[in-house]
Amino acid sequence: MKKMLHFTIAGLAWLAALATPLARAWTYSDGDVLLIFRESGSSDVEFDIGNISQFLGHSSPYAVQVTDWSLTLVNNTFGSVSGASVILVSTTSSAASPLNTWITSSGSVTSVSDVTHTGWNSLYAHINGIGVDPVSDNETPTGANSYVIEESGDKAGGHSSNASYYWIVTDDGVDGAYIADFGGNLPFDVEGVAPATLGFWQIQPSTTSPKPEATYIGTFDIDGNGNLYFYVGSLQPTITAVTQTGATDTVSFTTLANGSYSLVYSTDLTVPVSQWTPVGAGPVAGNGGTQSLSFTSPGDAADYFAVVRSP
């Protein structure tokens, strides 16, 4: 009797959903999200990608491609986005109620706690400084919402550059070890090195001890080609049923309301899924519900198949 293994593989690099570009000048306001790329010994590339509200309140599953930044600018600065450190941060104003900070964590971090009021005020000062200092330090914008800023030292014109992300979170360039924990304010790594998966957390000030768990908002993922996505929940299609009529297998699976889904096939699990053979009448468009694809087995002793998602 033919043996089958049914499972699902969906790579984040295949996700694609369009976000509406904000096309705005750098006029930072508390609540804006700052996207920052950094490499040691190079300038920082910083973007204001708009208000935090675009990433809040989404039901699972949800996915969007983040497009309001320039991959060309990053590549021109570092040679390639791959290998660059990346972080996203945002904060409410210090007079808001409630007080919130949003910040990424490296992919290895699974738990984050709220902070003291003193700790939150320090987080606010760092994030607000990254947003407002390029203007006050007379940095020259490199695009509608971007700056490329020397990490430290003298700029052209003879005055010191104190506006870079690096300069602010390393205590005016004193201690490079502060980069990992955002100026010594957090007990976890806040950056990832592209390609990277980053958690995104909402942190509040708290007077209780131990501190409550921070709120997990979602996940940012950037691949080696510079595609940046934000998603909530699991985006992997789930196979819900497999039926067989004669030599024909029909596979049913969950979809999101965008993208396309294909059934791929192999007789050898050691072969990468990217090299498996598409089968059936697919791809089929996602509709937010369940879709199905069928294929007729060539009569191999074992069939292995997966559902993959593509833009």
C-alpha atoms as a PDB file:
ATOM      1  CA  MET A   1       0.000   0.000   0.000  1.00  0.00           C
ATOM      2  CA  LYS A   2       1.305   3.468  -0.869  1.00  0.00           C
ATOM      3  CA  LYS A   3       2.657   5.397   2.129  1.00  0.00           C
ATOM      4  CA  MET A   4       2.077   9.158   2.472  1.00  0.00           C
ATOM      5  CA  LEU A   5       3.448  11.890   4.623  1.00  0.00           C
ATOM      6  CA  HIS A   6       1.346  15.061   4.821  1.00  0.00           C
ATOM      7  CA  PHE A   7       2.874  18.258   6.128  1.00  0.00           C
ATOM      8  CA  THR A   8       3.067  21.956   5.411  1.00  0.00           C
ATOM      9  CA  ILE A   9       6.027  24.207   4.706  1.00  0.00           C
ATOM     10  CA  ALA A  10       5.627  27.922   4.070  1.00  0.00           C
ATOM     11  CA  GLY A  11       8.656  30.186   3.958  1.00  0.00           C
ATOM     12  CA  LEU A  12       8.361  33.799   5.012  1.00  0.00           C
ATOM     13  CA  ALA A  13      10.280  34.731   1.875  1.00  0.00           C
ATOM     14  CA  TRP A  14       7.207  33.700  -0.101  1.00  0.00           C
ATOM     15  CA  LEU A  15       4.872  36.022   1.788  1.00  0.00           C
ATOM     16  CA  ALA A  16       3.730  39.147   0.018  1.00  0.00           C
ATOM     17  CA  ALA A  17       1.014  41.626   0.824  1.00  0.00           C
ATOM     18  CA  LEU A  18       1.064  45.228  -0.265  1.00  0.00           C
ATOM     19  CA  ALA A  19       1.207  48.130   2.154  1.00  0.00           C
ATOM     20  CA  THR A  20       0.287  51.632   1.064  1.00  0.00           C
ATOM     21  CA  PRO A  21       3.426  53.796   1.043  1.00  0.00           C
ATOM     22  CA  LEU A  22       3.158  56.783   3.368  1.00  0.00           C
ATOM     23  CA  ALA A  23       5.449  59.005   1.232  1.00  0.00           C
ATOM     24  CA  ARG A  24       6.111  61.504   3.998  1.00  0.00           C
ATOM     25  CA  ALA A  25       8.943  63.832   4.909  1.00  0.00           C
ATOM     26  CA  TRP A  26      10.900  63.212   8.101  1.00  0.00           C
ATOM     27  CA  THR A  27       8.733  65.131  10.538  1.00  0.00           C
ATOM     28  CA  TYR A  28       9.046  62.851  13.516  1.00  0.00           C
ATOM     29  CA  SER A  29       6.261  62.610  16.069  1.00  0.00           C
ATOM     30  CA  ASP A  30       6.095  60.339  19.089  1.00  0.00           C
ATOM     31  CA  GLY A  31       4.171  57.283  17.956  1.00  0.00           C
ATOM     32  CA  ASP A  32       6.102  56.994  14.682  1.00  0.00           C
ATOM     33  CA  VAL A  33       7.969  53.762  13.970  1.00  0.00           C
ATOM     34  CA  LEU A  34      11.703  54.089  13.304  1.00  0.00           C
ATOM     35  CA  LEU A  35      13.339  51.418  11.142  1.00  0.00           C
ATOM     36  CA  ILE A  36      17.129  51.422  11.502  1.00  0.00           C
ATOM     37  CA  PHE A  37      19.925  49.532   9.750  1.00  0.00           C
ATOM     38  CA  ARG A  38      23.468  49.495  11.117  1.00  0.00           C
ATOM     39  CA  GLU A  39      26.880  47.971  10.490  1.00  0.00           C
ATOM     40  CA  SER A  40      29.935  48.523  12.644  1.00  0.00           C
ATOM     41  CA  GLY A  41      32.175  51.200  11.178  1.00  0.00           C
ATOM     42  CA  SER A  42      29.556  52.418   8.716  1.00  0.00           C
ATOM     43  CA  SER A  43      26.866  55.078   8.779  1.00  0.00           C
ATOM     44  CA  ASP A  44      23.425  54.285  10.193  1.00  0.00           C
ATOM     45  CA  VAL A  45      20.477  54.238   7.779  1.00  0.00           C
ATOM     46  CA  GLU A  46      17.307  55.411   9.492  1.00  0.00           C
ATOM     47  CA  PHE A  47      13.699  55.565   8.272  1.00  0.00           C
ATOM     48  CA  ASP A  48      10.484  56.951   9.748  1.00  0.00           C
ATOM     49  CA  ILE A  49       7.887  54.505   8.392  1.00  0.00           C
ATOM     50  CA  GLY A  50       4.773  56.067   9.908  1.00  0.00           C
ATOM     51  CA  ASN A  51       2.534  55.704  12.935  1.00  0.00           C
ATOM     52  CA  ILE A  52       2.529  52.619  15.147  1.00  0.00           C
ATOM     53  CA  SER A  53      -1.221  52.173  14.587  1.00  0.00           C
ATOM     54  CA  GLN A  54      -0.554  50.374  11.298  1.00  0.00           C
ATOM     55  CA  PHE A  55       0.885  47.438  13.259  1.00  0.00           C
ATOM     56  CA  LEU A  56      -1.645  47.291  16.110  1.00  0.00           C
ATOM     57  CA  GLY A  57      -4.998  45.581  16.565  1.00  0.00           C
ATOM     58  CA  HIS A  58      -4.720  42.948  13.831  1.00  0.00           C
ATOM     59  CA  SER A  59      -6.389  39.576  14.270  1.00  0.00           C
ATOM     60  CA  SER A  60      -4.441  36.417  13.544  1.00  0.00           C
ATOM     61  CA  PRO A  61      -3.526  35.540  10.881  1.00  0.00           C
ATOM     62  CA  TYR A  62      -2.418  38.824   9.330  1.00  0.00           C
ATOM     63  CA  ALA A  63       0.464  39.748   7.027  1.00  0.00           C
ATOM     64  CA  VAL A  64       1.650  42.909   5.316  1.00  0.00           C
ATOM     65  CA  GLN A  65       4.786  43.819   3.420  1.00  0.00           C
ATOM     66  CA  VAL A  66       6.448  46.943   4.805  1.00  0.00           C
ATOM     67  CA  THR A  67       7.425  49.092   1.846  1.00  0.00           C
ATOM     68  CA  ASP A  68       7.897  52.665   3.082  1.00  0.00           C
ATOM     69  CA  TRP A  69      11.694  52.481   3.096  1.00  0.00           C
ATOM     70  CA  SER A  70      14.430  52.297   0.474  1.00  0.00           C
ATOM     71  CA  LEU A  71      16.260  49.013  -0.008  1.00  0.00           C
ATOM     72  CA  THR A  72      18.440  50.790  -2.577  1.00  0.00           C
ATOM     73  CA  LEU A  73      19.614  53.250   0.068  1.00  0.00           C
ATOM     74  CA  VAL A  74      20.486  50.390   2.427  1.00  0.00           C
ATOM     75  CA  ASN A  75      22.315  48.445  -0.275  1.00  0.00           C
ATOM     76  CA  ASN A  76      24.218  51.533  -1.409  1.00  0.00           C
ATOM     77  CA  THR A  77      25.357  52.163   2.157  1.00  0.00           C
ATOM     78  CA  PHE A  78      26.340  48.641   3.201  1.00  0.00           C
ATOM     79  CA  GLY A  79      26.819  46.861  -0.118  1.00  0.00           C
ATOM     80  CA  SER A  80      23.952  44.508   0.778  1.00  0.00           C
ATOM     81  CA  VAL A  81      21.134  44.420   3.296  1.00  0.00           C
ATOM     82  CA  SER A  82      22.248  40.891   4.159  1.00  0.00           C
ATOM     83  CA  GLY A  83      24.538  41.149   7.164  1.00  0.00           C
ATOM     84  CA  ALA A  84      23.224  44.516   8.353  1.00  0.00           C
ATOM     85  CA  SER A  85      21.760  44.790  11.856  1.00  0.00           C
ATOM     86  CA  VAL A  86      18.130  45.908  11.966  1.00  0.00           C
ATOM     87  CA  ILE A  87      15.814  47.233  14.677  1.00  0.00           C
ATOM     88  CA  LEU A  88      12.346  48.826  14.833  1.00  0.00           C
ATOM     89  CA  VAL A  89      11.251  51.087  17.699  1.00  0.00           C
ATOM     90  CA  SER A  90       8.404  53.418  18.621  1.00  0.00           C
ATOM     91  CA  THR A  91       7.112  55.212  21.701  1.00  0.00           C
ATOM     92  CA  THR A  92       4.167  57.244  22.893  1.00  0.00           C
ATOM     93  CA  SER A  93       4.861  60.709  24.242  1.00  0.00           C
ATOM     94  CA  SER A  94       5.934  60.991  27.869  1.00  0.00           C
ATOM     95  CA  ALA A  95       2.579  62.650  28.622  1.00  0.00           C
ATOM     96  CA  ALA A  96       0.420  59.926  27.064  1.00  0.00           C
ATOM     97  CA  SER A  97      -1.884  57.628  28.972  1.00  0.00           C
ATOM     98  CA  PRO A  98      -1.124  54.782  28.910  1.00  0.00           C
ATOM     99  CA  LEU A  99       2.614  54.999  28.362  1.00  0.00           C
ATOM    100  CA  ASN A 100       3.894  52.510  25.783  1.00  0.00           C
ATOM    101  CA  THR A 101       7.140  51.651  24.066  1.00  0.00           C
ATOM    102  CA  TRP A 102       7.352  49.232  21.155  1.00  0.00           C
ATOM    103  CA  ILE A 103      10.647  47.554  20.336  1.00  0.00           C
ATOM    104  CA  THR A 104      11.956  44.512  18.524  1.00  0.00           C
ATOM    105  CA  SER A 105      13.831  41.575  20.010  1.00  0.00           C
ATOM    106  CA  SER A 106      16.181  39.103  18.378  1.00  0.00           C
ATOM    107  CA  GLY A 107      14.647  35.852  17.243  1.00  0.00           C
ATOM    108  CA  SER A 108      16.023  33.940  20.247  1.00  0.00           C
ATOM    109  CA  VAL A 109      14.035  36.020  22.767  1.00  0.00           C
ATOM    110  CA  THR A 110      10.799  34.371  23.917  1.00  0.00           C
ATOM    111  CA  SER A 111       9.870  36.425  26.993  1.00  0.00           C
ATOM    112  CA  VAL A 112       9.956  40.165  27.737  1.00  0.00           C
ATOM    113  CA  SER A 113       8.781  41.987  30.854  1.00  0.00           C
ATOM    114  CA  ASP A 114       7.566  45.516  31.512  1.00  0.00           C
ATOM    115  CA  VAL A 115       9.981  47.979  33.134  1.00  0.00           C
ATOM    116  CA  THR A 116      10.140  50.489  35.963  1.00  0.00           C
ATOM    117  CA  HIS A 117       8.989  54.055  35.366  1.00  0.00           C
ATOM    118  CA  THR A 118      12.618  55.159  35.428  1.00  0.00           C
ATOM    119  CA  GLY A 119      13.472  52.512  32.865  1.00  0.00           C
ATOM    120  CA  TRP A 120      10.565  53.533  30.649  1.00  0.00           C
ATOM    121  CA  ASN A 121      11.597  57.200  30.779  1.00  0.00           C
ATOM    122  CA  SER A 122      15.068  56.201  29.617  1.00  0.00           C
ATOM    123  CA  LEU A 123      13.599  54.151  26.748  1.00  0.00           C
ATOM    124  CA  TYR A 124      11.483  57.152  25.777  1.00  0.00           C
ATOM    125  CA  ALA A 125      14.455  59.526  25.841  1.00  0.00           C
ATOM    126  CA  HIS A 126      16.493  57.245  23.579  1.00  0.00           C
ATOM    127  CA  ILE A 127      13.711  56.665  21.025  1.00  0.00           C
ATOM    128  CA  ASN A 128      12.593  60.278  20.985  1.00  0.00           C
ATOM    129  CA  GLY A 129      16.218  61.344  20.541  1.00  0.00           C
ATOM    130  CA  ILE A 130      16.654  59.062  17.530  1.00  0.00           C
ATOM    131  CA  GLY A 131      13.566  60.699  16.028  1.00  0.00           C
ATOM    132  CA  VAL A 132      14.213  64.384  16.724  1.00  0.00           C
ATOM    133  CA  ASP A 133      18.013  64.714  16.832  1.00  0.00           C
ATOM    134  CA  PRO A 134      18.633  64.446  13.061  1.00  0.00           C
ATOM    135  CA  VAL A 135      16.628  67.639  12.608  1.00  0.00           C
ATOM    136  CA  SER A 136      18.136  69.496  15.555  1.00  0.00           C
ATOM    137  CA  ASP A 137      21.645  68.449  14.464  1.00  0.00           C
ATOM    138  CA  ASN A 138      21.030  69.718  10.923  1.00  0.00           C
ATOM    139  CA  GLU A 139      21.494  66.338   9.271  1.00  0.00           C
ATOM    140  CA  THR A 140      20.682  66.252   5.553  1.00  0.00           C
ATOM    141  CA  PRO A 141      17.763  63.958   4.634  1.00  0.00           C
ATOM    142  CA  THR A 142      18.568  61.342   1.998  1.00  0.00           C
ATOM    143  CA  GLY A 143      14.956  60.799   0.984  1.00  0.00           C
ATOM    144  CA  ALA A 144      11.380  61.611   1.865  1.00  0.00           C
ATOM    145  CA  ASN A 145      11.627  59.809   5.205  1.00  0.00           C
ATOM    146  CA  SER A 146      15.268  58.809   5.657  1.00  0.00           C
ATOM    147  CA  TYR A 147      18.710  59.788   6.920  1.00  0.00           C
ATOM    148  CA  VAL A 148      22.135  58.266   6.483  1.00  0.00           C
ATOM    149  CA  ILE A 149      24.084  59.427   9.548  1.00  0.00           C
ATOM    150  CA  GLU A 150      27.694  58.824  10.498  1.00  0.00           C
ATOM    151  CA  GLU A 151      27.902  56.732  13.649  1.00  0.00           C
ATOM    152  CA  SER A 152      30.046  59.307  15.449  1.00  0.00           C
ATOM    153  CA  GLY A 153      32.839  61.819  15.029  1.00  0.00           C
ATOM    154  CA  ASP A 154      33.141  64.903  12.860  1.00  0.00           C
ATOM    155  CA  LYS A 155      30.890  65.478   9.876  1.00  0.00           C
ATOM    156  CA  ALA A 156      31.692  67.541   6.831  1.00  0.00           C
ATOM    157  CA  GLY A 157      31.605  71.142   7.962  1.00  0.00           C
ATOM    158  CA  GLY A 158      33.538  70.476  11.138  1.00  0.00           C
ATOM    159  CA  HIS A 159      30.811  69.796  13.684  1.00  0.00           C
ATOM    160  CA  SER A 160      30.223  66.594  15.626  1.00  0.00           C
ATOM    161  CA  SER A 161      27.438  64.233  14.590  1.00  0.00           C
ATOM    162  CA  ASN A 162      25.471  63.362  17.716  1.00  0.00           C
ATOM    163  CA  ALA A 163      22.261  62.320  15.979  1.00  0.00           C
ATOM    164  CA  SER A 164      22.903  58.744  14.877  1.00  0.00           C
ATOM    165  CA  TYR A 165      21.207  55.732  16.398  1.00  0.00           C
ATOM    166  CA  TYR A 166      24.637  54.348  17.269  1.00  0.00           C
ATOM    167  CA  TRP A 167      25.736  57.522  19.061  1.00  0.00           C
ATOM    168  CA  ILE A 168      22.532  57.767  21.093  1.00  0.00           C
ATOM    169  CA  VAL A 169      22.348  54.140  22.290  1.00  0.00           C
ATOM    170  CA  THR A 170      26.079  53.831  23.069  1.00  0.00           C
ATOM    171  CA  ASP A 171      26.076  56.720  25.560  1.00  0.00           C
ATOM    172  CA  ASP A 172      27.638  59.201  23.132  1.00  0.00           C
ATOM    173  CA  GLY A 173      29.858  56.528  21.622  1.00  0.00           C
ATOM    174  CA  VAL A 174      31.340  55.493  24.971  1.00  0.00           C
ATOM    175  CA  ASP A 175      30.286  51.848  25.149  1.00  0.00           C
ATOM    176  CA  GLY A 176      29.487  49.800  22.046  1.00  0.00           C
ATOM    177  CA  ALA A 177      28.206  46.984  24.270  1.00  0.00           C
ATOM    178  CA  TYR A 178      25.127  49.118  24.909  1.00  0.00           C
ATOM    179  CA  ILE A 179      23.903  48.505  21.352  1.00  0.00           C
ATOM    180  CA  ALA A 180      22.606  45.018  22.123  1.00  0.00           C
ATOM    181  CA  ASP A 181      20.432  46.120  25.037  1.00  0.00           C
ATOM    182  CA  PHE A 182      19.445  49.537  23.683  1.00  0.00           C
ATOM    183  CA  GLY A 183      21.555  51.810  25.818  1.00  0.00           C
ATOM    184  CA  GLY A 184      21.643  49.415  28.776  1.00  0.00           C
ATOM    185  CA  ASN A 185      17.888  49.684  29.188  1.00  0.00           C
ATOM    186  CA  LEU A 186      16.698  46.163  28.334  1.00  0.00           C
ATOM    187  CA  PRO A 187      17.921  42.693  29.351  1.00  0.00           C
ATOM    188  CA  PHE A 188      17.730  41.240  25.828  1.00  0.00           C
ATOM    189  CA  ASP A 189      19.081  41.809  22.332  1.00  0.00           C
ATOM    190  CA  VAL A 190      16.965  44.269  20.384  1.00  0.00           C
ATOM    191  CA  GLU A 191      18.607  43.833  16.969  1.00  0.00           C
ATOM    192  CA  GLY A 192      18.746  41.069  14.413  1.00  0.00           C
ATOM    193  CA  VAL A 193      21.186  40.574  11.559  1.00  0.00           C
ATOM    194  CA  ALA A 194      19.458  40.326   8.177  1.00  0.00           C
ATOM    195  CA  PRO A 195      18.099  37.910   7.173  1.00  0.00           C
ATOM    196  CA  ALA A 196      16.344  37.944  10.529  1.00  0.00           C
ATOM    197  CA  THR A 197      13.115  37.317  12.379  1.00  0.00           C
ATOM    198  CA  LEU A 198      12.341  39.857  15.116  1.00  0.00           C
ATOM    199  CA  GLY A 199       9.715  39.805  17.820  1.00  0.00           C
ATOM    200  CA  PHE A 200       7.820  43.064  18.359  1.00  0.00           C
ATOM    201  CA  TRP A 201       6.829  43.926  21.948  1.00  0.00           C
ATOM    202  CA  GLN A 202       4.740  46.555  23.704  1.00  0.00           C
ATOM    203  CA  ILE A 203       6.445  47.523  26.970  1.00  0.00           C
ATOM    204  CA  GLN A 204       4.845  49.633  29.718  1.00  0.00           C
ATOM    205  CA  PRO A 205       6.078  51.087  33.020  1.00  0.00           C
ATOM    206  CA  SER A 206       5.012  49.112  36.088  1.00  0.00           C
ATOM    207  CA  THR A 207       5.364  49.463  39.867  1.00  0.00           C
ATOM    208  CA  THR A 208       4.713  45.780  40.613  1.00  0.00           C
ATOM    209  CA  SER A 209       7.387  43.189  41.332  1.00  0.00           C
ATOM    210  CA  PRO A 210       7.997  40.937  39.578  1.00  0.00           C
ATOM    211  CA  LYS A 211       7.161  42.928  36.480  1.00  0.00           C
ATOM    212  CA  PRO A 212       4.253  41.736  34.282  1.00  0.00           C
ATOM    213  CA  GLU A 213       4.879  40.104  30.928  1.00  0.00           C
ATOM    214  CA  ALA A 214       5.086  42.614  28.088  1.00  0.00           C
ATOM    215  CA  THR A 215       2.551  42.345  25.266  1.00  0.00           C
ATOM    216  CA  TYR A 216       3.679  40.493  22.166  1.00  0.00           C
ATOM    217  CA  ILE A 217       2.383  42.456  19.146  1.00  0.00           C
ATOM    218  CA  GLY A 218       3.667  40.393  16.227  1.00  0.00           C
ATOM    219  CA  THR A 219       6.745  39.564  14.195  1.00  0.00           C
ATOM    220  CA  PHE A 220       8.931  41.344  11.666  1.00  0.00           C
ATOM    221  CA  ASP A 221      10.820  39.254   9.145  1.00  0.00           C
ATOM    222  CA  ILE A 222      13.414  40.479   6.662  1.00  0.00           C
ATOM    223  CA  ASP A 223      14.907  38.093   4.124  1.00  0.00           C
ATOM    224  CA  GLY A 224      18.253  38.221   2.357  1.00  0.00           C
ATOM    225  CA  ASN A 225      16.685  40.064  -0.587  1.00  0.00           C
ATOM    226  CA  GLY A 226      15.430  42.886   1.620  1.00  0.00           C
ATOM    227  CA  ASN A 227      11.744  41.949   1.716  1.00  0.00           C
ATOM    228  CA  LEU A 228      10.383  43.145   5.061  1.00  0.00           C
ATOM    229  CA  TYR A 229       7.123  41.720   6.412  1.00  0.00           C
ATOM    230  CA  PHE A 230       5.048  42.186   9.539  1.00  0.00           C
ATOM    231  CA  TYR A 231       2.730  39.400  10.564  1.00  0.00           C
ATOM    232  CA  VAL A 232       0.521  38.281  13.419  1.00  0.00           C
ATOM    233  CA  GLY A 233      -0.009  34.635  14.283  1.00  0.00           C
ATOM    234  CA  SER A 234       0.956  31.689  12.145  1.00  0.00           C
ATOM    235  CA  LEU A 235       0.988  32.233   8.403  1.00  0.00           C
ATOM    236  CA  GLN A 236       1.657  28.656   7.464  1.00  0.00           C
ATOM    237  CA  PRO A 237      -1.175  27.049   5.514  1.00  0.00           C
ATOM    238  CA  THR A 238      -2.570  24.094   7.404  1.00  0.00           C
ATOM    239  CA  ILE A 239      -3.602  20.918   5.616  1.00  0.00           C
ATOM    240  CA  THR A 240      -7.095  20.168   6.889  1.00  0.00           C
ATOM    241  CA  ALA A 241      -7.962  17.035   4.934  1.00  0.00           C
ATOM    242  CA  VAL A 242      -6.582  14.550   2.431  1.00  0.00           C
ATOM    243  CA  THR A 243      -8.920  12.333   0.445  1.00  0.00           C
ATOM    244  CA  GLN A 244      -8.031   9.665  -2.063  1.00  0.00           C
ATOM    245  CA  THR A 245     -10.011   8.364  -5.019  1.00  0.00           C
ATOM    246  CA  GLY A 246      -8.089   5.715  -6.890  1.00  0.00           C
ATOM    247  CA  ALA A 247      -4.683   7.199  -7.648  1.00  0.00           C
ATOM    248  CA  THR A 248      -5.880  10.803  -7.176  1.00  0.00           C
ATOM    249  CA  ASP A 249      -5.163  12.638  -3.910  1.00  0.00           C
ATOM    250  CA  THR A 250      -7.103  15.794  -3.010  1.00  0.00           C
ATOM    251  CA  VAL A 251      -5.484  18.035  -0.423  1.00  0.00           C
ATOM    252  CA  SER A 252      -7.499  20.726   1.395  1.00  0.00           C
ATOM    253  CA  PHE A 253      -5.721  23.543   3.237  1.00  0.00           C
ATOM    254  CA  THR A 254      -6.284  26.927   4.876  1.00  0.00           C
ATOM    255  CA  THR A 255      -5.439  30.174   3.038  1.00  0.00           C
ATOM    256  CA  LEU A 256      -5.161  33.894   3.640  1.00  0.00           C
ATOM    257  CA  ALA A 257      -7.088  36.327   1.470  1.00  0.00           C
ATOM    258  CA  ASN A 258      -4.097  37.038  -0.754  1.00  0.00           C
ATOM    259  CA  GLY A 259      -1.162  35.220  -2.277  1.00  0.00           C
ATOM    260  CA  SER A 260      -1.262  31.958  -4.162  1.00  0.00           C
ATOM    261  CA  TYR A 261      -0.851  28.384  -3.008  1.00  0.00           C
ATOM    262  CA  SER A 262       0.713  25.420  -4.738  1.00  0.00           C
ATOM    263  CA  LEU A 263       0.923  21.730  -4.027  1.00  0.00           C
ATOM    264  CA  VAL A 264       4.448  20.377  -4.424  1.00  0.00           C
ATOM    265  CA  TYR A 265       5.547  16.768  -4.571  1.00  0.00           C
ATOM    266  CA  SER A 266       8.603  14.611  -4.006  1.00  0.00           C
ATOM    267  CA  THR A 267       9.542  11.018  -3.307  1.00  0.00           C
ATOM    268  CA  ASP A 268      12.694  12.027  -1.420  1.00  0.00           C
ATOM    269  CA  LEU A 269      12.582  13.994   1.842  1.00  0.00           C
ATOM    270  CA  THR A 270      16.283  14.842   1.578  1.00  0.00           C
ATOM    271  CA  VAL A 271      15.588  17.110  -1.415  1.00  0.00           C
ATOM    272  CA  PRO A 272      14.910  20.785  -0.424  1.00  0.00           C
ATOM    273  CA  VAL A 273      11.241  21.701  -0.758  1.00  0.00           C
ATOM    274  CA  SER A 274      12.209  24.514  -3.135  1.00  0.00           C
ATOM    275  CA  GLN A 275      13.176  21.774  -5.598  1.00  0.00           C
ATOM    276  CA  TRP A 276       9.989  19.736  -5.266  1.00  0.00           C
ATOM    277  CA  THR A 277       7.729  19.444  -8.309  1.00  0.00           C
ATOM    278  CA  PRO A 278       4.490  21.483  -8.463  1.00  0.00           C
ATOM    279  CA  VAL A 279       1.560  19.171  -9.109  1.00  0.00           C
ATOM    280  CA  GLY A 280      -2.163  19.467  -9.688  1.00  0.00           C
ATOM    281  CA  ALA A 281      -4.008  22.346 -11.302  1.00  0.00           C
ATOM    282  CA  GLY A 282      -2.476  25.010  -9.051  1.00  0.00           C
ATOM    283  CA  PRO A 283      -1.506  27.493  -8.026  1.00  0.00           C
ATOM    284  CA  VAL A 284      -4.806  28.541  -6.489  1.00  0.00           C
ATOM    285  CA  ALA A 285      -5.537  32.011  -5.088  1.00  0.00           C
ATOM    286  CA  GLY A 286      -6.030  32.419  -1.354  1.00  0.00           C
ATOM    287  CA  ASN A 287      -9.545  33.436  -0.321  1.00  0.00           C
ATOM    288  CA  GLY A 288      -9.342  33.505   3.468  1.00  0.00           C
ATOM    289  CA  GLY A 289     -10.971  30.080   3.630  1.00  0.00           C
ATOM    290  CA  THR A 290     -10.190  26.526   2.638  1.00  0.00           C
ATOM    291  CA  GLN A 291      -8.954  25.635  -0.842  1.00  0.00           C
ATOM    292  CA  SER A 292      -8.118  22.278  -2.411  1.00  0.00           C
ATOM    293  CA  LEU A 293      -5.720  20.907  -4.999  1.00  0.00           C
ATOM    294  CA  SER A 294      -5.544  17.406  -6.465  1.00  0.00           C
ATOM    295  CA  PHE A 295      -2.867  15.360  -8.145  1.00  0.00           C
ATOM    296  CA  THR A 296      -2.626  11.887  -9.560  1.00  0.00           C
ATOM    297  CA  SER A 297       0.162   9.787  -8.142  1.00  0.00           C
ATOM    298  CA  PRO A 298       2.594   8.262 -10.616  1.00  0.00           C
ATOM    299  CA  GLY A 299       2.544   5.098  -8.516  1.00  0.00           C
ATOM    300  CA  ASP A 300       5.646   5.676  -6.395  1.00  0.00           C
ATOM    301  CA  ALA A 301       6.089   3.679  -3.225  1.00  0.00           C
ATOM    302  CA  ALA A 302       5.942   6.855  -1.146  1.00  0.00           C
ATOM    303  CA  ASP A 303       4.478  10.290  -1.915  1.00  0.00           C
ATOM    304  CA  TYR A 304       5.502  13.358   0.066  1.00  0.00           C
ATOM    305  CA  PHE A 305       3.772  16.650  -0.525  1.00  0.00           C
ATOM    306  CA  ALA A 306       3.537  20.129   0.980  1.00  0.00           C
ATOM    307  CA  VAL A 307       1.567  23.312   0.444  1.00  0.00           C
ATOM    308  CA  VAL A 308       3.652  26.429  -0.211  1.00  0.00           C
ATOM    309  CA  ARG A 309       2.606  30.045  -0.427  1.00  0.00           C
ATOM    310  CA  SER A 310       3.992  32.547  -2.945  1.00  0.00           C
ATOM    311  CA  PRO A 311       3.319  36.250  -3.713  1.00  0.00           C
END
